[in-house]
């Protein structure tokens, strides 16, 4: 078996990343923001430790993929860095964007086709309350 086949055939490993973790300045602001933007994708808050101020998001507890920790020294990475999330539909991207704006995020590109990235590349871009840049993308024809 070729090494890359492991990711294609193992139901618990859909890609090379196991999870992503990063620090934020406000547990509460991040909880509100990320819970709202992930809802249209069917991604839930699957771990919440208010004492240690840690959040975990995923499809379920066995597939936790996105972890957030409150840290006083948290800073977003420099230019050129962003997190891109696969969305289940164009409508879910519209909801992601609206939820982000309503919950403390800023627009970094409204929902729409980005044909310079691909014929069906529908995406929206947000900046979270801490300055992290986020993208939601759907590439299937509609």
C-alpha atoms as a PDB file:
ATOM      1  CA  UNK A   1       0.000   0.000   0.000  1.00  0.00           C
ATOM      2  CA  UNK A   2       1.352   3.413  -0.929  1.00  0.00           C
ATOM      3  CA  UNK A   3       1.668   5.770   2.036  1.00  0.00           C
ATOM      4  CA  UNK A   4      -0.975   8.167   0.698  1.00  0.00           C
ATOM      5  CA  UNK A   5      -3.509   5.302   0.515  1.00  0.00           C
ATOM      6  CA  UNK A   6      -3.549   5.244   4.329  1.00  0.00           C
ATOM      7  CA  UNK A   7      -5.346   8.588   4.325  1.00  0.00           C
ATOM      8  CA  UNK A   8      -7.820   7.513   1.660  1.00  0.00           C
ATOM      9  CA  UNK A   9      -8.752   4.157   3.192  1.00  0.00           C
ATOM     10  CA  UNK A  10      -8.695   4.848   6.941  1.00  0.00           C
ATOM     11  CA  UNK A  11     -12.039   6.377   8.000  1.00  0.00           C
ATOM     12  CA  UNK A  12     -10.383   8.207  10.911  1.00  0.00           C
ATOM     13  CA  UNK A  13      -7.710   9.853   8.749  1.00  0.00           C
ATOM     14  CA  UNK A  14      -9.297  11.825   5.932  1.00  0.00           C
ATOM     15  CA  UNK A  15      -6.130  13.842   5.334  1.00  0.00           C
ATOM     16  CA  UNK A  16      -2.688  14.506   6.703  1.00  0.00           C
ATOM     17  CA  UNK A  17      -3.796  16.795   9.542  1.00  0.00           C
ATOM     18  CA  UNK A  18      -4.929  15.259  12.820  1.00  0.00           C
ATOM     19  CA  UNK A  19      -6.047  18.570  14.290  1.00  0.00           C
ATOM     20  CA  UNK A  20      -5.155  22.250  14.458  1.00  0.00           C
ATOM     21  CA  UNK A  21      -4.635  24.119  17.752  1.00  0.00           C
ATOM     22  CA  UNK A  22      -4.078  27.795  18.394  1.00  0.00           C
ATOM     23  CA  UNK A  23      -4.279  30.373  21.152  1.00  0.00           C
ATOM     24  CA  UNK A  24      -6.790  33.213  21.441  1.00  0.00           C
ATOM     25  CA  UNK A  25      -7.111  36.144  23.813  1.00  0.00           C
ATOM     26  CA  UNK A  26     -10.755  35.489  24.776  1.00  0.00           C
ATOM     27  CA  UNK A  27     -12.249  32.050  25.370  1.00  0.00           C
ATOM     28  CA  UNK A  28     -15.785  33.518  25.521  1.00  0.00           C
ATOM     29  CA  UNK A  29     -15.525  35.609  22.328  1.00  0.00           C
ATOM     30  CA  UNK A  30     -13.998  32.676  20.460  1.00  0.00           C
ATOM     31  CA  UNK A  31     -16.626  30.249  21.737  1.00  0.00           C
ATOM     32  CA  UNK A  32     -19.411  32.520  20.493  1.00  0.00           C
ATOM     33  CA  UNK A  33     -17.738  33.155  17.129  1.00  0.00           C
ATOM     34  CA  UNK A  34     -16.608  29.614  16.272  1.00  0.00           C
ATOM     35  CA  UNK A  35     -19.776  27.906  17.487  1.00  0.00           C
ATOM     36  CA  UNK A  36     -21.748  30.220  15.181  1.00  0.00           C
ATOM     37  CA  UNK A  37     -19.570  29.866  12.065  1.00  0.00           C
ATOM     38  CA  UNK A  38     -19.249  26.075  12.325  1.00  0.00           C
ATOM     39  CA  UNK A  39     -22.986  25.436  12.791  1.00  0.00           C
ATOM     40  CA  UNK A  40     -23.815  25.647   9.035  1.00  0.00           C
ATOM     41  CA  UNK A  41     -21.210  22.929   8.385  1.00  0.00           C
ATOM     42  CA  UNK A  42     -22.605  20.516  10.983  1.00  0.00           C
ATOM     43  CA  UNK A  43     -19.468  20.962  13.097  1.00  0.00           C
ATOM     44  CA  UNK A  44     -20.170  20.998  16.824  1.00  0.00           C
ATOM     45  CA  UNK A  45     -18.496  22.101  20.015  1.00  0.00           C
ATOM     46  CA  UNK A  46     -17.421  18.639  21.199  1.00  0.00           C
ATOM     47  CA  UNK A  47     -15.084  19.655  24.028  1.00  0.00           C
ATOM     48  CA  UNK A  48     -15.494  22.616  26.370  1.00  0.00           C
ATOM     49  CA  UNK A  49     -13.349  23.106  29.455  1.00  0.00           C
ATOM     50  CA  UNK A  50     -14.252  26.490  30.973  1.00  0.00           C
ATOM     51  CA  UNK A  51     -11.747  26.028  33.817  1.00  0.00           C
ATOM     52  CA  UNK A  52      -8.737  25.584  31.523  1.00  0.00           C
ATOM     53  CA  UNK A  53     -10.474  27.671  28.801  1.00  0.00           C
ATOM     54  CA  UNK A  54     -10.115  25.120  26.018  1.00  0.00           C
ATOM     55  CA  UNK A  55     -12.568  24.518  23.163  1.00  0.00           C
ATOM     56  CA  UNK A  56     -12.669  21.635  20.695  1.00  0.00           C
ATOM     57  CA  UNK A  57     -14.743  21.467  17.510  1.00  0.00           C
ATOM     58  CA  UNK A  58     -15.438  18.509  15.253  1.00  0.00           C
ATOM     59  CA  UNK A  59     -18.028  16.288  13.647  1.00  0.00           C
ATOM     60  CA  UNK A  60     -18.134  14.362  16.938  1.00  0.00           C
ATOM     61  CA  UNK A  61     -15.845  13.691  19.910  1.00  0.00           C
ATOM     62  CA  UNK A  62     -13.855  11.094  17.931  1.00  0.00           C
ATOM     63  CA  UNK A  63     -13.264  13.568  15.100  1.00  0.00           C
ATOM     64  CA  UNK A  64     -12.234  16.683  17.013  1.00  0.00           C
ATOM     65  CA  UNK A  65     -10.220  18.718  14.512  1.00  0.00           C
ATOM     66  CA  UNK A  66     -10.034  22.321  15.694  1.00  0.00           C
ATOM     67  CA  UNK A  67      -8.826  23.266  19.186  1.00  0.00           C
ATOM     68  CA  UNK A  68      -8.693  26.699  20.784  1.00  0.00           C
ATOM     69  CA  UNK A  69      -6.899  27.681  24.005  1.00  0.00           C
ATOM     70  CA  UNK A  70      -7.119  31.020  25.788  1.00  0.00           C
ATOM     71  CA  UNK A  71      -3.631  32.479  26.201  1.00  0.00           C
ATOM     72  CA  UNK A  72      -2.622  35.976  27.272  1.00  0.00           C
ATOM     73  CA  UNK A  73       0.202  36.011  24.702  1.00  0.00           C
ATOM     74  CA  UNK A  74      -1.942  34.824  21.754  1.00  0.00           C
ATOM     75  CA  UNK A  75      -1.276  36.457  18.394  1.00  0.00           C
ATOM     76  CA  UNK A  76      -2.404  35.628  14.865  1.00  0.00           C
ATOM     77  CA  UNK A  77       0.301  34.424  12.486  1.00  0.00           C
ATOM     78  CA  UNK A  78       1.814  36.748   9.908  1.00  0.00           C
ATOM     79  CA  UNK A  79       0.580  37.420   6.405  1.00  0.00           C
ATOM     80  CA  UNK A  80      -0.125  34.547   4.065  1.00  0.00           C
ATOM     81  CA  UNK A  81      -1.550  32.247   6.755  1.00  0.00           C
ATOM     82  CA  UNK A  82      -5.201  31.211   6.926  1.00  0.00           C
ATOM     83  CA  UNK A  83      -7.425  28.258   7.780  1.00  0.00           C
ATOM     84  CA  UNK A  84      -9.623  26.980   4.919  1.00  0.00           C
ATOM     85  CA  UNK A  85     -12.683  24.858   5.737  1.00  0.00           C
ATOM     86  CA  UNK A  86     -14.499  22.655   3.239  1.00  0.00           C
ATOM     87  CA  UNK A  87     -18.182  23.540   3.305  1.00  0.00           C
ATOM     88  CA  UNK A  88     -21.076  21.223   2.364  1.00  0.00           C
ATOM     89  CA  UNK A  89     -22.806  23.762   0.079  1.00  0.00           C
ATOM     90  CA  UNK A  90     -22.763  27.312  -1.210  1.00  0.00           C
ATOM     91  CA  UNK A  91     -25.669  28.150   1.102  1.00  0.00           C
ATOM     92  CA  UNK A  92     -23.636  26.998   4.112  1.00  0.00           C
ATOM     93  CA  UNK A  93     -20.853  29.396   3.083  1.00  0.00           C
ATOM     94  CA  UNK A  94     -23.339  32.261   2.990  1.00  0.00           C
ATOM     95  CA  UNK A  95     -24.483  31.263   6.509  1.00  0.00           C
ATOM     96  CA  UNK A  96     -20.845  30.934   7.703  1.00  0.00           C
ATOM     97  CA  UNK A  97     -20.117  34.461   6.511  1.00  0.00           C
ATOM     98  CA  UNK A  98     -23.263  36.012   8.012  1.00  0.00           C
ATOM     99  CA  UNK A  99     -22.709  34.227  11.345  1.00  0.00           C
ATOM    100  CA  UNK A 100     -19.124  35.430  11.456  1.00  0.00           C
ATOM    101  CA  UNK A 101     -20.065  39.062  10.880  1.00  0.00           C
ATOM    102  CA  UNK A 102     -22.841  38.858  13.510  1.00  0.00           C
ATOM    103  CA  UNK A 103     -20.467  37.346  16.075  1.00  0.00           C
ATOM    104  CA  UNK A 104     -17.480  39.665  16.025  1.00  0.00           C
ATOM    105  CA  UNK A 105     -15.727  38.778  12.771  1.00  0.00           C
ATOM    106  CA  UNK A 106     -14.793  41.050   9.892  1.00  0.00           C
ATOM    107  CA  UNK A 107     -15.189  40.511   6.175  1.00  0.00           C
ATOM    108  CA  UNK A 108     -12.089  39.644   4.203  1.00  0.00           C
ATOM    109  CA  UNK A 109     -14.091  38.733   1.078  1.00  0.00           C
ATOM    110  CA  UNK A 110     -17.850  38.254   0.688  1.00  0.00           C
ATOM    111  CA  UNK A 111     -19.303  34.936  -0.518  1.00  0.00           C
ATOM    112  CA  UNK A 112     -19.013  34.374  -4.246  1.00  0.00           C
ATOM    113  CA  UNK A 113     -17.370  32.502  -7.087  1.00  0.00           C
ATOM    114  CA  UNK A 114     -13.599  32.878  -7.349  1.00  0.00           C
ATOM    115  CA  UNK A 115     -13.002  31.617 -10.888  1.00  0.00           C
ATOM    116  CA  UNK A 116      -9.325  32.522 -10.637  1.00  0.00           C
ATOM    117  CA  UNK A 117      -9.072  29.556  -8.195  1.00  0.00           C
ATOM    118  CA  UNK A 118     -11.324  27.182 -10.154  1.00  0.00           C
ATOM    119  CA  UNK A 119     -14.496  27.050 -12.242  1.00  0.00           C
ATOM    120  CA  UNK A 120     -16.726  26.183  -9.257  1.00  0.00           C
ATOM    121  CA  UNK A 121     -14.638  27.679  -6.422  1.00  0.00           C
ATOM    122  CA  UNK A 122     -17.261  29.346  -4.212  1.00  0.00           C
ATOM    123  CA  UNK A 123     -15.736  30.897  -1.096  1.00  0.00           C
ATOM    124  CA  UNK A 124     -16.025  33.512   1.637  1.00  0.00           C
ATOM    125  CA  UNK A 125     -13.313  34.989   3.819  1.00  0.00           C
ATOM    126  CA  UNK A 126     -13.464  36.216   7.420  1.00  0.00           C
ATOM    127  CA  UNK A 127     -11.106  37.548  10.049  1.00  0.00           C
ATOM    128  CA  UNK A 128     -11.959  36.252  13.536  1.00  0.00           C
ATOM    129  CA  UNK A 129     -12.002  38.470  16.677  1.00  0.00           C
ATOM    130  CA  UNK A 130      -8.294  37.710  17.260  1.00  0.00           C
ATOM    131  CA  UNK A 131      -7.187  38.447  13.707  1.00  0.00           C
ATOM    132  CA  UNK A 132      -6.963  34.881  12.360  1.00  0.00           C
ATOM    133  CA  UNK A 133      -7.900  34.677   8.681  1.00  0.00           C
ATOM    134  CA  UNK A 134     -10.490  32.058   7.719  1.00  0.00           C
ATOM    135  CA  UNK A 135     -11.918  30.772   4.462  1.00  0.00           C
ATOM    136  CA  UNK A 136     -14.898  28.548   3.687  1.00  0.00           C
ATOM    137  CA  UNK A 137     -14.911  26.873   0.272  1.00  0.00           C
ATOM    138  CA  UNK A 138     -17.240  24.667  -1.781  1.00  0.00           C
ATOM    139  CA  UNK A 139     -16.042  23.403  -5.163  1.00  0.00           C
ATOM    140  CA  UNK A 140     -18.786  21.104  -6.447  1.00  0.00           C
ATOM    141  CA  UNK A 141     -20.885  22.276  -9.412  1.00  0.00           C
ATOM    142  CA  UNK A 142     -24.337  23.518  -8.430  1.00  0.00           C
END
